[in-house]
Amino acid sequence: MTAADTRISEGQPPASAAPPVMRRGPSRLRRRENAAAYVLITPFVGAAIYAAFFATAGGLQFFLINGAEFTAAFVYGGSYAGQLPGSVLITPVRVLFTFVFPATVTAYLPALLIMGLEGPKFLPAWLGWFAPLFAVWAWLLAWLAWRAGMRRFTGAGG
């Protein structure tokens, strides 16, 4: 038995093993600064996304007859989906409320980023940094729905 084998059997690392890298100092400070910046922009991005949901719902009203219940379910259901942990949503619903109607970007992803946690499958925490792009996507959908609704509108008299 060699000296390195003896050290390993006693629970000590071999002499050739590199010491573990400890992350302290500037990287922790940088993470705090990033989290602070993210905390500042999250309410604005969330408000923009939910405003886009309401604008999309308004655009859909041109196509729906008595569609208030549908659009309420769409807007307030999205709000509820945004508050739930993404891990409890089945994968198709998780993808729907992240990439089509980005409700999870308003509460769940910011919480993951601020706490430094990993996300579930199809919803990694780093995706939260793209929240402003998700807001742009939500407004693009709202603009398309409103534009299509206005083209369909023929006036109050029919």
C-alpha atoms as a PDB file:
ATOM      1  CA  MET A   1       0.000   0.000   0.000  1.00  0.00           C
ATOM      2  CA  THR A   2       1.441   3.343  -1.042  1.00  0.00           C
ATOM      3  CA  ALA A   3       1.384   6.569   0.938  1.00  0.00           C
ATOM      4  CA  ALA A   4      -1.350   7.999  -1.330  1.00  0.00           C
ATOM      5  CA  ASP A   5      -3.511   4.887  -0.785  1.00  0.00           C
ATOM      6  CA  THR A   6      -3.061   5.247   2.985  1.00  0.00           C
ATOM      7  CA  ARG A   7      -4.138   8.884   2.889  1.00  0.00           C
ATOM      8  CA  ILE A   8      -7.247   8.028   0.821  1.00  0.00           C
ATOM      9  CA  SER A   9      -8.234   5.193   3.162  1.00  0.00           C
ATOM     10  CA  GLU A  10      -7.958   7.599   6.105  1.00  0.00           C
ATOM     11  CA  GLY A  11     -10.352  10.022   4.404  1.00  0.00           C
ATOM     12  CA  GLN A  12      -7.728  12.521   3.328  1.00  0.00           C
ATOM     13  CA  PRO A  13      -7.325  13.609  -0.289  1.00  0.00           C
ATOM     14  CA  PRO A  14      -4.191  12.481  -2.095  1.00  0.00           C
ATOM     15  CA  ALA A  15      -1.296  14.921  -2.087  1.00  0.00           C
ATOM     16  CA  SER A  16      -1.697  15.534  -5.831  1.00  0.00           C
ATOM     17  CA  ALA A  17      -5.360  16.596  -5.494  1.00  0.00           C
ATOM     18  CA  ALA A  18      -5.989  20.269  -6.133  1.00  0.00           C
ATOM     19  CA  PRO A  19      -7.592  22.218  -3.318  1.00  0.00           C
ATOM     20  CA  PRO A  20     -11.301  22.942  -3.792  1.00  0.00           C
ATOM     21  CA  VAL A  21     -12.145  26.298  -5.316  1.00  0.00           C
ATOM     22  CA  MET A  22     -14.072  28.472  -2.902  1.00  0.00           C
ATOM     23  CA  ARG A  23     -16.213  31.218  -4.390  1.00  0.00           C
ATOM     24  CA  ARG A  24     -16.302  34.156  -2.074  1.00  0.00           C
ATOM     25  CA  GLY A  25     -16.038  37.863  -2.302  1.00  0.00           C
ATOM     26  CA  PRO A  26     -16.614  39.547  -5.658  1.00  0.00           C
ATOM     27  CA  SER A  27     -18.764  36.789  -7.212  1.00  0.00           C
ATOM     28  CA  ARG A  28     -21.184  36.858  -4.284  1.00  0.00           C
ATOM     29  CA  LEU A  29     -21.278  40.628  -4.411  1.00  0.00           C
ATOM     30  CA  ARG A  30     -21.933  40.519  -8.154  1.00  0.00           C
ATOM     31  CA  ARG A  31     -24.795  38.062  -7.606  1.00  0.00           C
ATOM     32  CA  ARG A  32     -26.334  40.384  -5.021  1.00  0.00           C
ATOM     33  CA  GLU A  33     -26.034  43.347  -7.370  1.00  0.00           C
ATOM     34  CA  ASN A  34     -27.629  41.343 -10.190  1.00  0.00           C
ATOM     35  CA  ALA A  35     -30.443  40.234  -7.882  1.00  0.00           C
ATOM     36  CA  ALA A  36     -30.991  43.832  -6.759  1.00  0.00           C
ATOM     37  CA  ALA A  37     -31.206  44.993 -10.368  1.00  0.00           C
ATOM     38  CA  TYR A  38     -33.577  42.161 -11.159  1.00  0.00           C
ATOM     39  CA  VAL A  39     -35.789  43.051  -8.189  1.00  0.00           C
ATOM     40  CA  LEU A  40     -36.032  46.587  -9.556  1.00  0.00           C
ATOM     41  CA  ILE A  41     -37.035  45.625 -13.116  1.00  0.00           C
ATOM     42  CA  THR A  42     -39.350  42.698 -12.251  1.00  0.00           C
ATOM     43  CA  PRO A  43     -42.430  44.779 -11.294  1.00  0.00           C
ATOM     44  CA  PHE A  44     -42.215  46.776 -14.519  1.00  0.00           C
ATOM     45  CA  VAL A  45     -41.780  43.710 -16.695  1.00  0.00           C
ATOM     46  CA  GLY A  46     -44.610  41.924 -14.880  1.00  0.00           C
ATOM     47  CA  ALA A  47     -46.911  44.912 -15.295  1.00  0.00           C
ATOM     48  CA  ALA A  48     -46.049  45.088 -18.998  1.00  0.00           C
ATOM     49  CA  ILE A  49     -46.801  41.384 -19.473  1.00  0.00           C
ATOM     50  CA  TYR A  50     -50.156  41.553 -17.689  1.00  0.00           C
ATOM     51  CA  ALA A  51     -51.091  44.743 -19.536  1.00  0.00           C
ATOM     52  CA  ALA A  52     -50.359  42.848 -22.751  1.00  0.00           C
ATOM     53  CA  PHE A  53     -52.658  40.056 -21.528  1.00  0.00           C
ATOM     54  CA  PHE A  54     -55.472  42.577 -21.090  1.00  0.00           C
ATOM     55  CA  ALA A  55     -54.784  44.095 -24.516  1.00  0.00           C
ATOM     56  CA  THR A  56     -54.813  40.604 -26.067  1.00  0.00           C
ATOM     57  CA  ALA A  57     -58.096  39.871 -24.313  1.00  0.00           C
ATOM     58  CA  GLY A  58     -59.506  43.122 -25.706  1.00  0.00           C
ATOM     59  CA  GLY A  59     -58.421  42.159 -29.204  1.00  0.00           C
ATOM     60  CA  LEU A  60     -60.068  38.760 -28.843  1.00  0.00           C
ATOM     61  CA  GLN A  61     -63.388  40.383 -27.927  1.00  0.00           C
ATOM     62  CA  PHE A  62     -63.874  41.308 -31.580  1.00  0.00           C
ATOM     63  CA  PHE A  63     -64.045  37.597 -32.420  1.00  0.00           C
ATOM     64  CA  LEU A  64     -65.868  36.195 -29.391  1.00  0.00           C
ATOM     65  CA  ILE A  65     -69.555  36.533 -28.665  1.00  0.00           C
ATOM     66  CA  ASN A  66     -70.058  36.946 -24.913  1.00  0.00           C
ATOM     67  CA  GLY A  67     -66.393  36.147 -24.495  1.00  0.00           C
ATOM     68  CA  ALA A  68     -65.905  37.919 -21.178  1.00  0.00           C
ATOM     69  CA  GLU A  69     -65.647  34.604 -19.319  1.00  0.00           C
ATOM     70  CA  PHE A  70     -63.091  33.255 -21.764  1.00  0.00           C
ATOM     71  CA  THR A  71     -60.881  36.305 -21.577  1.00  0.00           C
ATOM     72  CA  ALA A  72     -61.224  36.485 -17.789  1.00  0.00           C
ATOM     73  CA  ALA A  73     -60.106  32.861 -17.582  1.00  0.00           C
ATOM     74  CA  PHE A  74     -57.241  33.675 -19.923  1.00  0.00           C
ATOM     75  CA  VAL A  75     -56.044  36.750 -18.016  1.00  0.00           C
ATOM     76  CA  TYR A  76     -56.685  35.661 -14.436  1.00  0.00           C
ATOM     77  CA  GLY A  77     -55.793  32.025 -15.132  1.00  0.00           C
ATOM     78  CA  GLY A  78     -52.473  33.264 -16.450  1.00  0.00           C
ATOM     79  CA  SER A  79     -52.030  35.251 -13.268  1.00  0.00           C
ATOM     80  CA  TYR A  80     -52.663  32.142 -11.200  1.00  0.00           C
ATOM     81  CA  ALA A  81     -50.281  30.076 -13.344  1.00  0.00           C
ATOM     82  CA  GLY A  82     -47.602  32.720 -12.840  1.00  0.00           C
ATOM     83  CA  GLN A  83     -47.820  32.366  -9.056  1.00  0.00           C
ATOM     84  CA  LEU A  84     -47.505  28.580  -9.017  1.00  0.00           C
ATOM     85  CA  PRO A  85     -44.138  26.864  -8.917  1.00  0.00           C
ATOM     86  CA  GLY A  86     -43.362  25.718 -12.435  1.00  0.00           C
ATOM     87  CA  SER A  87     -42.531  22.238 -11.182  1.00  0.00           C
ATOM     88  CA  VAL A  88     -46.201  21.542 -10.322  1.00  0.00           C
ATOM     89  CA  LEU A  89     -47.402  22.369 -13.836  1.00  0.00           C
ATOM     90  CA  ILE A  90     -47.423  19.532 -16.331  1.00  0.00           C
ATOM     91  CA  THR A  91     -44.952  20.083 -19.142  1.00  0.00           C
ATOM     92  CA  PRO A  92     -47.402  21.250 -21.864  1.00  0.00           C
ATOM     93  CA  VAL A  93     -48.995  23.771 -19.475  1.00  0.00           C
ATOM     94  CA  ARG A  94     -45.560  24.887 -18.295  1.00  0.00           C
ATOM     95  CA  VAL A  95     -44.457  25.501 -21.885  1.00  0.00           C
ATOM     96  CA  LEU A  96     -47.764  27.272 -22.697  1.00  0.00           C
ATOM     97  CA  PHE A  97     -47.502  29.690 -19.760  1.00  0.00           C
ATOM     98  CA  THR A  98     -43.817  30.337 -20.364  1.00  0.00           C
ATOM     99  CA  PHE A  99     -43.307  30.585 -24.100  1.00  0.00           C
ATOM    100  CA  VAL A 100     -46.761  31.444 -25.479  1.00  0.00           C
ATOM    101  CA  PHE A 101     -48.348  33.430 -22.646  1.00  0.00           C
ATOM    102  CA  PRO A 102     -45.334  34.276 -20.436  1.00  0.00           C
ATOM    103  CA  ALA A 103     -47.074  34.317 -17.055  1.00  0.00           C
ATOM    104  CA  THR A 104     -44.395  32.319 -15.233  1.00  0.00           C
ATOM    105  CA  VAL A 105     -41.893  35.040 -16.107  1.00  0.00           C
ATOM    106  CA  THR A 106     -43.702  37.493 -13.819  1.00  0.00           C
ATOM    107  CA  ALA A 107     -43.347  35.738 -10.453  1.00  0.00           C
ATOM    108  CA  TYR A 108     -41.892  32.233 -10.525  1.00  0.00           C
ATOM    109  CA  LEU A 109     -38.752  32.832 -12.582  1.00  0.00           C
ATOM    110  CA  PRO A 110     -37.826  36.003 -10.661  1.00  0.00           C
ATOM    111  CA  ALA A 111     -38.165  34.064  -7.408  1.00  0.00           C
ATOM    112  CA  LEU A 112     -35.852  31.339  -8.722  1.00  0.00           C
ATOM    113  CA  LEU A 113     -33.253  33.877  -9.807  1.00  0.00           C
ATOM    114  CA  ILE A 114     -33.329  35.908  -6.619  1.00  0.00           C
ATOM    115  CA  MET A 115     -33.037  32.801  -4.429  1.00  0.00           C
ATOM    116  CA  GLY A 116     -30.352  31.281  -6.659  1.00  0.00           C
ATOM    117  CA  LEU A 117     -32.299  28.067  -7.319  1.00  0.00           C
ATOM    118  CA  GLU A 118     -32.408  25.879 -10.408  1.00  0.00           C
ATOM    119  CA  GLY A 119     -35.654  25.564 -12.288  1.00  0.00           C
ATOM    120  CA  PRO A 120     -37.556  22.498 -13.453  1.00  0.00           C
ATOM    121  CA  LYS A 121     -37.338  20.954 -16.919  1.00  0.00           C
ATOM    122  CA  PHE A 122     -38.183  23.434 -19.718  1.00  0.00           C
ATOM    123  CA  LEU A 123     -38.077  26.292 -17.187  1.00  0.00           C
ATOM    124  CA  PRO A 124     -34.485  26.984 -16.089  1.00  0.00           C
ATOM    125  CA  ALA A 125     -33.902  29.900 -13.749  1.00  0.00           C
ATOM    126  CA  TRP A 126     -31.601  31.738 -16.178  1.00  0.00           C
ATOM    127  CA  LEU A 127     -34.596  32.175 -18.471  1.00  0.00           C
ATOM    128  CA  GLY A 128     -35.739  34.901 -16.080  1.00  0.00           C
ATOM    129  CA  TRP A 129     -33.044  37.232 -17.411  1.00  0.00           C
ATOM    130  CA  PHE A 130     -34.954  37.279 -20.699  1.00  0.00           C
ATOM    131  CA  ALA A 131     -38.099  38.669 -19.044  1.00  0.00           C
ATOM    132  CA  PRO A 132     -37.993  41.946 -21.030  1.00  0.00           C
ATOM    133  CA  LEU A 133     -37.941  39.912 -24.252  1.00  0.00           C
ATOM    134  CA  PHE A 134     -40.926  37.928 -23.012  1.00  0.00           C
ATOM    135  CA  ALA A 135     -42.716  41.227 -22.390  1.00  0.00           C
ATOM    136  CA  VAL A 136     -41.980  42.286 -25.967  1.00  0.00           C
ATOM    137  CA  TRP A 137     -43.331  38.915 -27.151  1.00  0.00           C
ATOM    138  CA  ALA A 138     -46.520  39.401 -25.101  1.00  0.00           C
ATOM    139  CA  TRP A 139     -47.028  42.862 -26.603  1.00  0.00           C
ATOM    140  CA  LEU A 140     -46.429  41.518 -30.098  1.00  0.00           C
ATOM    141  CA  LEU A 141     -49.217  38.971 -29.513  1.00  0.00           C
ATOM    142  CA  ALA A 142     -51.446  41.745 -28.146  1.00  0.00           C
ATOM    143  CA  TRP A 143     -50.750  43.963 -31.144  1.00  0.00           C
ATOM    144  CA  LEU A 144     -51.536  41.122 -33.558  1.00  0.00           C
ATOM    145  CA  ALA A 145     -54.796  40.285 -31.750  1.00  0.00           C
ATOM    146  CA  TRP A 146     -55.849  43.941 -31.650  1.00  0.00           C
ATOM    147  CA  ARG A 147     -54.925  44.518 -35.282  1.00  0.00           C
ATOM    148  CA  ALA A 148     -56.845  41.438 -36.433  1.00  0.00           C
ATOM    149  CA  GLY A 149     -59.821  42.517 -34.312  1.00  0.00           C
ATOM    150  CA  MET A 150     -59.839  46.025 -35.730  1.00  0.00           C
ATOM    151  CA  ARG A 151     -59.765  44.655 -39.266  1.00  0.00           C
ATOM    152  CA  ARG A 152     -62.786  42.523 -38.473  1.00  0.00           C
ATOM    153  CA  PHE A 153     -64.710  45.360 -36.834  1.00  0.00           C
ATOM    154  CA  THR A 154     -67.407  46.807 -39.090  1.00  0.00           C
ATOM    155  CA  GLY A 155     -69.011  49.401 -36.828  1.00  0.00           C
ATOM    156  CA  ALA A 156     -71.800  49.611 -34.303  1.00  0.00           C
ATOM    157  CA  GLY A 157     -74.558  49.170 -36.876  1.00  0.00           C
ATOM    158  CA  GLY A 158     -73.268  45.935 -38.380  1.00  0.00           C
END
